[in-house]
Amino acid sequence: MLTKFSHVMLWVEDLDRAVKFWEQTFGFGRRFVAPGHYAVLHHQGMNFPLHLHPAKKGDPNIGHGPQVYFISDQLDDEVKRLRAAGVAITDPRSEAGSPRFSEFKDSEGNAIGLTESR
């Protein structure tokens, strides 16, 4: 079951440059940075989480908009439910200390993420 909105993720070519841009241009603060792997920023005034994930130059994910993530209080059950409904979804995984997450595409090909509540 989906319980709430989690965050927006952007694919970036240069993680350090992107972190500086969001900090200096819009006032986001750092919550977590794993150099070369992942960054979690947060805008206090909007209470808005922004995650940055690096990709290699030329990766088709870069520059094609954000990926929305929702929280599930029972990630494994939600993955099973989606698979039973015919949705191709990745196996839950974790990286760089993040909560477990899975990804799927909606009916229009938009990448959507599910993250496990902690």
N, C-alpha and C. Protein backbone atom coordinates (compact mmCIF):
# COMPACT_ATOMS: atom_id res chain seq x y z
N MET A 1 0.84 -1.18 0.00
CA MET A 1 0.00 0.00 0.00
C MET A 1 0.88 1.24 0.00
N LEU A 2 0.55 2.19 -0.85
CA LEU A 2 1.25 3.46 -0.85
C LEU A 2 0.76 4.28 0.33
N THR A 3 1.70 4.91 1.05
CA THR A 3 1.29 5.67 2.22
C THR A 3 1.52 7.17 2.09
N LYS A 4 2.53 7.59 1.28
CA LYS A 4 2.74 9.02 1.07
C LYS A 4 3.81 9.24 0.02
N PHE A 5 3.97 10.48 -0.38
CA PHE A 5 5.02 10.89 -1.30
C PHE A 5 6.36 10.78 -0.60
N SER A 6 7.39 10.34 -1.29
CA SER A 6 8.72 10.23 -0.70
C SER A 6 9.64 11.34 -1.17
N HIS A 7 9.99 11.34 -2.46
CA HIS A 7 10.95 12.31 -2.97
C HIS A 7 10.94 12.33 -4.49
N VAL A 8 11.65 13.28 -5.03
CA VAL A 8 11.91 13.36 -6.46
C VAL A 8 13.39 13.09 -6.66
N MET A 9 13.71 12.29 -7.69
CA MET A 9 15.11 12.02 -8.00
C MET A 9 15.43 12.56 -9.38
N LEU A 10 16.60 13.17 -9.49
CA LEU A 10 17.11 13.63 -10.78
C LEU A 10 18.40 12.89 -11.10
N TRP A 11 18.54 12.44 -12.34
CA TRP A 11 19.79 11.88 -12.81
C TRP A 11 20.70 13.03 -13.22
N VAL A 12 21.95 12.98 -12.81
CA VAL A 12 22.89 14.07 -13.08
C VAL A 12 24.20 13.51 -13.63
N GLU A 13 24.87 14.31 -14.43
CA GLU A 13 26.16 13.90 -14.97
C GLU A 13 27.28 14.12 -13.98
N ASP A 14 27.23 15.24 -13.26
CA ASP A 14 28.28 15.60 -12.31
C ASP A 14 27.63 15.85 -10.95
N LEU A 15 27.76 14.89 -10.05
CA LEU A 15 27.08 14.97 -8.76
C LEU A 15 27.51 16.20 -7.96
N ASP A 16 28.81 16.45 -7.87
CA ASP A 16 29.28 17.62 -7.10
C ASP A 16 28.73 18.92 -7.67
N ARG A 17 28.75 19.05 -8.99
CA ARG A 17 28.24 20.27 -9.63
C ARG A 17 26.75 20.42 -9.34
N ALA A 18 26.00 19.32 -9.43
CA ALA A 18 24.55 19.39 -9.20
C ALA A 18 24.23 19.76 -7.75
N VAL A 19 24.95 19.17 -6.80
CA VAL A 19 24.74 19.50 -5.39
C VAL A 19 24.96 21.00 -5.17
N LYS A 20 26.07 21.51 -5.68
CA LYS A 20 26.37 22.95 -5.53
C LYS A 20 25.29 23.82 -6.17
N PHE A 21 24.83 23.42 -7.35
CA PHE A 21 23.79 24.19 -8.03
C PHE A 21 22.53 24.31 -7.16
N TRP A 22 22.03 23.18 -6.66
CA TRP A 22 20.81 23.20 -5.87
C TRP A 22 21.00 23.91 -4.54
N GLU A 23 22.18 23.81 -3.96
CA GLU A 23 22.47 24.52 -2.71
C GLU A 23 22.54 26.03 -2.94
N GLN A 24 23.36 26.43 -3.89
CA GLN A 24 23.64 27.85 -4.10
C GLN A 24 22.50 28.58 -4.80
N THR A 25 21.81 27.91 -5.70
CA THR A 25 20.77 28.57 -6.47
C THR A 25 19.42 28.60 -5.76
N PHE A 26 19.11 27.53 -5.03
CA PHE A 26 17.77 27.43 -4.44
C PHE A 26 17.77 27.22 -2.93
N GLY A 27 18.92 27.14 -2.29
CA GLY A 27 18.98 27.04 -0.85
C GLY A 27 18.71 25.66 -0.27
N PHE A 28 18.87 24.61 -1.06
CA PHE A 28 18.73 23.26 -0.53
C PHE A 28 19.89 22.97 0.42
N GLY A 29 19.63 22.21 1.45
CA GLY A 29 20.66 21.78 2.37
C GLY A 29 20.97 20.30 2.16
N ARG A 30 22.16 19.90 2.58
CA ARG A 30 22.57 18.51 2.44
C ARG A 30 22.03 17.68 3.60
N ARG A 31 21.43 16.57 3.26
CA ARG A 31 21.02 15.58 4.26
C ARG A 31 22.01 14.42 4.28
N PHE A 32 22.48 14.05 3.06
CA PHE A 32 23.38 12.91 2.93
C PHE A 32 24.08 13.02 1.57
N VAL A 33 25.38 12.85 1.57
CA VAL A 33 26.12 12.81 0.31
C VAL A 33 27.12 11.67 0.37
N ALA A 34 27.01 10.77 -0.59
CA ALA A 34 27.99 9.70 -0.79
C ALA A 34 28.70 10.06 -2.09
N PRO A 35 29.86 10.73 -2.00
CA PRO A 35 30.53 11.22 -3.21
C PRO A 35 30.62 10.16 -4.31
N GLY A 36 30.17 10.58 -5.50
CA GLY A 36 30.20 9.69 -6.65
C GLY A 36 29.05 8.71 -6.73
N HIS A 37 28.21 8.64 -5.67
CA HIS A 37 27.15 7.64 -5.65
C HIS A 37 25.74 8.21 -5.52
N TYR A 38 25.56 9.20 -4.65
CA TYR A 38 24.20 9.61 -4.34
C TYR A 38 24.22 10.84 -3.45
N ALA A 39 23.20 11.66 -3.56
CA ALA A 39 23.06 12.80 -2.66
C ALA A 39 21.59 13.00 -2.33
N VAL A 40 21.33 13.33 -1.08
CA VAL A 40 19.98 13.64 -0.63
C VAL A 40 20.01 15.08 -0.12
N LEU A 41 19.22 15.92 -0.78
CA LEU A 41 19.12 17.33 -0.39
C LEU A 41 17.71 17.59 0.13
N HIS A 42 17.57 18.68 0.85
CA HIS A 42 16.25 19.01 1.40
C HIS A 42 16.10 20.52 1.44
N HIS A 43 14.94 21.01 1.00
CA HIS A 43 14.64 22.44 1.10
C HIS A 43 13.73 22.65 2.30
N GLN A 44 14.23 23.31 3.30
CA GLN A 44 13.51 23.50 4.56
C GLN A 44 12.18 24.23 4.37
N GLY A 45 12.20 25.32 3.63
CA GLY A 45 11.00 26.14 3.47
C GLY A 45 9.86 25.41 2.78
N MET A 46 10.19 24.57 1.81
CA MET A 46 9.16 23.82 1.09
C MET A 46 8.96 22.42 1.67
N ASN A 47 9.83 22.04 2.61
CA ASN A 47 9.83 20.67 3.14
C ASN A 47 9.84 19.67 1.98
N PHE A 48 10.82 19.88 1.09
CA PHE A 48 10.89 19.13 -0.16
C PHE A 48 12.19 18.37 -0.28
N PRO A 49 12.14 17.03 -0.41
CA PRO A 49 13.34 16.23 -0.58
C PRO A 49 13.69 16.06 -2.07
N LEU A 50 14.97 16.26 -2.38
CA LEU A 50 15.47 16.09 -3.73
C LEU A 50 16.67 15.16 -3.67
N HIS A 51 16.60 14.06 -4.42
CA HIS A 51 17.70 13.11 -4.46
C HIS A 51 18.40 13.24 -5.82
N LEU A 52 19.71 13.21 -5.80
CA LEU A 52 20.50 13.31 -7.03
C LEU A 52 21.27 12.01 -7.21
N HIS A 53 21.19 11.46 -8.41
CA HIS A 53 21.85 10.18 -8.70
C HIS A 53 22.70 10.35 -9.95
N PRO A 54 24.01 10.07 -9.86
CA PRO A 54 24.86 10.27 -11.03
C PRO A 54 24.67 9.18 -12.09
N ALA A 55 24.90 9.58 -13.32
CA ALA A 55 24.89 8.66 -14.45
C ALA A 55 26.01 9.11 -15.40
N LYS A 56 26.45 8.21 -16.23
CA LYS A 56 27.54 8.53 -17.15
C LYS A 56 27.06 9.48 -18.24
N LYS A 57 27.98 10.28 -18.72
CA LYS A 57 27.69 11.22 -19.81
C LYS A 57 27.00 10.46 -20.95
N GLY A 58 25.93 11.04 -21.45
CA GLY A 58 25.17 10.43 -22.53
C GLY A 58 24.07 9.48 -22.09
N ASP A 59 23.97 9.21 -20.78
CA ASP A 59 22.91 8.33 -20.29
C ASP A 59 21.56 8.97 -20.64
N PRO A 60 20.65 8.20 -21.21
CA PRO A 60 19.36 8.77 -21.63
C PRO A 60 18.49 9.29 -20.49
N ASN A 61 18.80 8.93 -19.24
CA ASN A 61 18.02 9.44 -18.11
C ASN A 61 18.34 10.90 -17.80
N ILE A 62 19.55 11.34 -18.13
CA ILE A 62 19.95 12.71 -17.82
C ILE A 62 19.18 13.69 -18.70
N GLY A 63 18.61 14.71 -18.08
CA GLY A 63 17.91 15.76 -18.80
C GLY A 63 16.50 15.40 -19.25
N HIS A 64 15.98 14.29 -18.80
CA HIS A 64 14.64 13.88 -19.21
C HIS A 64 13.64 13.94 -18.06
N GLY A 65 13.92 14.81 -17.12
CA GLY A 65 12.95 15.04 -16.05
C GLY A 65 13.17 14.19 -14.82
N PRO A 66 12.40 14.48 -13.80
CA PRO A 66 12.55 13.81 -12.52
C PRO A 66 11.87 12.45 -12.48
N GLN A 67 12.25 11.68 -11.49
CA GLN A 67 11.59 10.41 -11.20
C GLN A 67 10.95 10.56 -9.83
N VAL A 68 9.66 10.36 -9.77
CA VAL A 68 8.90 10.49 -8.53
C VAL A 68 8.98 9.18 -7.75
N TYR A 69 9.12 9.28 -6.44
CA TYR A 69 9.12 8.12 -5.55
C TYR A 69 7.98 8.25 -4.55
N PHE A 70 7.34 7.13 -4.28
CA PHE A 70 6.32 7.04 -3.26
C PHE A 70 6.81 6.08 -2.17
N ILE A 71 6.25 6.19 -0.99
CA ILE A 71 6.62 5.32 0.13
C ILE A 71 5.57 4.21 0.24
N SER A 72 6.05 3.02 0.51
CA SER A 72 5.17 1.89 0.79
C SER A 72 5.53 1.35 2.16
N ASP A 73 4.51 1.11 2.97
CA ASP A 73 4.78 0.57 4.31
C ASP A 73 5.01 -0.94 4.27
N GLN A 74 4.73 -1.56 3.13
CA GLN A 74 4.96 -3.00 2.95
C GLN A 74 5.49 -3.22 1.53
N LEU A 75 6.75 -2.87 1.33
CA LEU A 75 7.34 -2.87 -0.01
C LEU A 75 7.25 -4.24 -0.69
N ASP A 76 7.60 -5.29 0.02
CA ASP A 76 7.57 -6.62 -0.61
C ASP A 76 6.17 -7.00 -1.07
N ASP A 77 5.16 -6.70 -0.25
CA ASP A 77 3.78 -7.00 -0.62
C ASP A 77 3.35 -6.15 -1.82
N GLU A 78 3.79 -4.90 -1.85
CA GLU A 78 3.42 -4.02 -2.96
C GLU A 78 4.06 -4.50 -4.26
N VAL A 79 5.31 -4.95 -4.19
CA VAL A 79 5.98 -5.49 -5.38
C VAL A 79 5.21 -6.72 -5.89
N LYS A 80 4.81 -7.60 -5.00
CA LYS A 80 4.04 -8.79 -5.39
C LYS A 80 2.71 -8.39 -6.02
N ARG A 81 2.04 -7.42 -5.42
CA ARG A 81 0.75 -6.97 -5.94
C ARG A 81 0.89 -6.40 -7.34
N LEU A 82 1.93 -5.56 -7.53
CA LEU A 82 2.14 -4.96 -8.85
C LEU A 82 2.49 -6.02 -9.89
N ARG A 83 3.31 -6.98 -9.53
CA ARG A 83 3.66 -8.06 -10.47
C ARG A 83 2.42 -8.86 -10.84
N ALA A 84 1.55 -9.12 -9.86
CA ALA A 84 0.31 -9.85 -10.13
C ALA A 84 -0.60 -9.07 -11.08
N ALA A 85 -0.45 -7.73 -11.07
CA ALA A 85 -1.25 -6.88 -11.95
C ALA A 85 -0.58 -6.69 -13.31
N GLY A 86 0.56 -7.39 -13.52
CA GLY A 86 1.23 -7.32 -14.81
C GLY A 86 2.26 -6.21 -14.95
N VAL A 87 2.61 -5.57 -13.85
CA VAL A 87 3.59 -4.49 -13.89
C VAL A 87 4.99 -5.07 -13.71
N ALA A 88 5.90 -4.72 -14.60
CA ALA A 88 7.30 -5.16 -14.47
C ALA A 88 7.97 -4.22 -13.47
N ILE A 89 8.40 -4.74 -12.34
CA ILE A 89 9.01 -3.94 -11.28
C ILE A 89 10.30 -4.62 -10.84
N THR A 90 11.29 -3.83 -10.52
CA THR A 90 12.57 -4.38 -10.11
C THR A 90 12.47 -4.99 -8.72
N ASP A 91 13.37 -5.92 -8.43
CA ASP A 91 13.45 -6.48 -7.08
C ASP A 91 13.89 -5.38 -6.11
N PRO A 92 13.37 -5.36 -4.89
CA PRO A 92 13.80 -4.36 -3.91
C PRO A 92 15.31 -4.45 -3.67
N ARG A 93 15.93 -3.29 -3.56
CA ARG A 93 17.37 -3.21 -3.31
C ARG A 93 17.67 -1.94 -2.54
N SER A 94 18.90 -1.82 -2.10
CA SER A 94 19.35 -0.65 -1.37
C SER A 94 20.73 -0.27 -1.90
N GLU A 95 21.04 1.01 -1.87
CA GLU A 95 22.38 1.44 -2.25
C GLU A 95 22.82 2.62 -1.41
N ALA A 96 24.08 2.61 -1.06
CA ALA A 96 24.70 3.71 -0.29
C ALA A 96 23.91 4.05 0.98
N GLY A 97 23.40 3.05 1.66
CA GLY A 97 22.72 3.28 2.93
C GLY A 97 21.28 3.74 2.83
N SER A 98 20.72 3.74 1.63
CA SER A 98 19.34 4.17 1.46
C SER A 98 18.38 3.09 1.94
N PRO A 99 17.12 3.47 2.18
CA PRO A 99 16.11 2.43 2.43
C PRO A 99 15.96 1.58 1.16
N ARG A 100 15.41 0.39 1.29
CA ARG A 100 15.18 -0.43 0.10
C ARG A 100 14.19 0.26 -0.83
N PHE A 101 14.36 0.03 -2.13
CA PHE A 101 13.48 0.63 -3.12
C PHE A 101 13.34 -0.27 -4.33
N SER A 102 12.30 -0.02 -5.11
CA SER A 102 12.04 -0.71 -6.37
C SER A 102 11.60 0.34 -7.37
N GLU A 103 11.69 -0.02 -8.64
CA GLU A 103 11.28 0.91 -9.70
C GLU A 103 10.44 0.19 -10.73
N PHE A 104 9.53 0.92 -11.35
CA PHE A 104 8.70 0.39 -12.42
C PHE A 104 8.35 1.52 -13.37
N LYS A 105 7.76 1.18 -14.49
CA LYS A 105 7.29 2.20 -15.44
C LYS A 105 5.78 2.17 -15.46
N ASP A 106 5.20 3.35 -15.54
CA ASP A 106 3.74 3.42 -15.61
C ASP A 106 3.29 3.09 -17.04
N SER A 107 2.01 3.25 -17.30
CA SER A 107 1.45 2.89 -18.61
C SER A 107 2.03 3.71 -19.75
N GLU A 108 2.63 4.86 -19.45
CA GLU A 108 3.18 5.74 -20.48
C GLU A 108 4.70 5.66 -20.58
N GLY A 109 5.32 4.80 -19.78
CA GLY A 109 6.77 4.65 -19.82
C GLY A 109 7.52 5.54 -18.85
N ASN A 110 6.82 6.26 -17.98
CA ASN A 110 7.48 7.10 -16.98
C ASN A 110 8.03 6.24 -15.86
N ALA A 111 9.27 6.50 -15.48
CA ALA A 111 9.89 5.74 -14.37
C ALA A 111 9.32 6.25 -13.05
N ILE A 112 8.86 5.31 -12.22
CA ILE A 112 8.29 5.61 -10.90
C ILE A 112 9.02 4.74 -9.89
N GLY A 113 9.26 5.27 -8.72
CA GLY A 113 9.94 4.51 -7.68
C GLY A 113 9.08 4.31 -6.45
N LEU A 114 9.33 3.20 -5.79
CA LEU A 114 8.72 2.92 -4.49
C LEU A 114 9.85 2.74 -3.51
N THR A 115 9.76 3.38 -2.37
CA THR A 115 10.78 3.23 -1.35
C THR A 115 10.10 2.74 -0.07
N GLU A 116 10.83 1.98 0.69
CA GLU A 116 10.31 1.39 1.92
C GLU A 116 10.33 2.39 3.06
N SER A 117 9.24 2.44 3.82
CA SER A 117 9.23 3.32 4.99
C SER A 117 10.20 2.74 6.02
N ARG A 118 10.84 3.61 6.75
CA ARG A 118 11.80 3.16 7.75
C ARG A 118 11.14 3.03 9.09
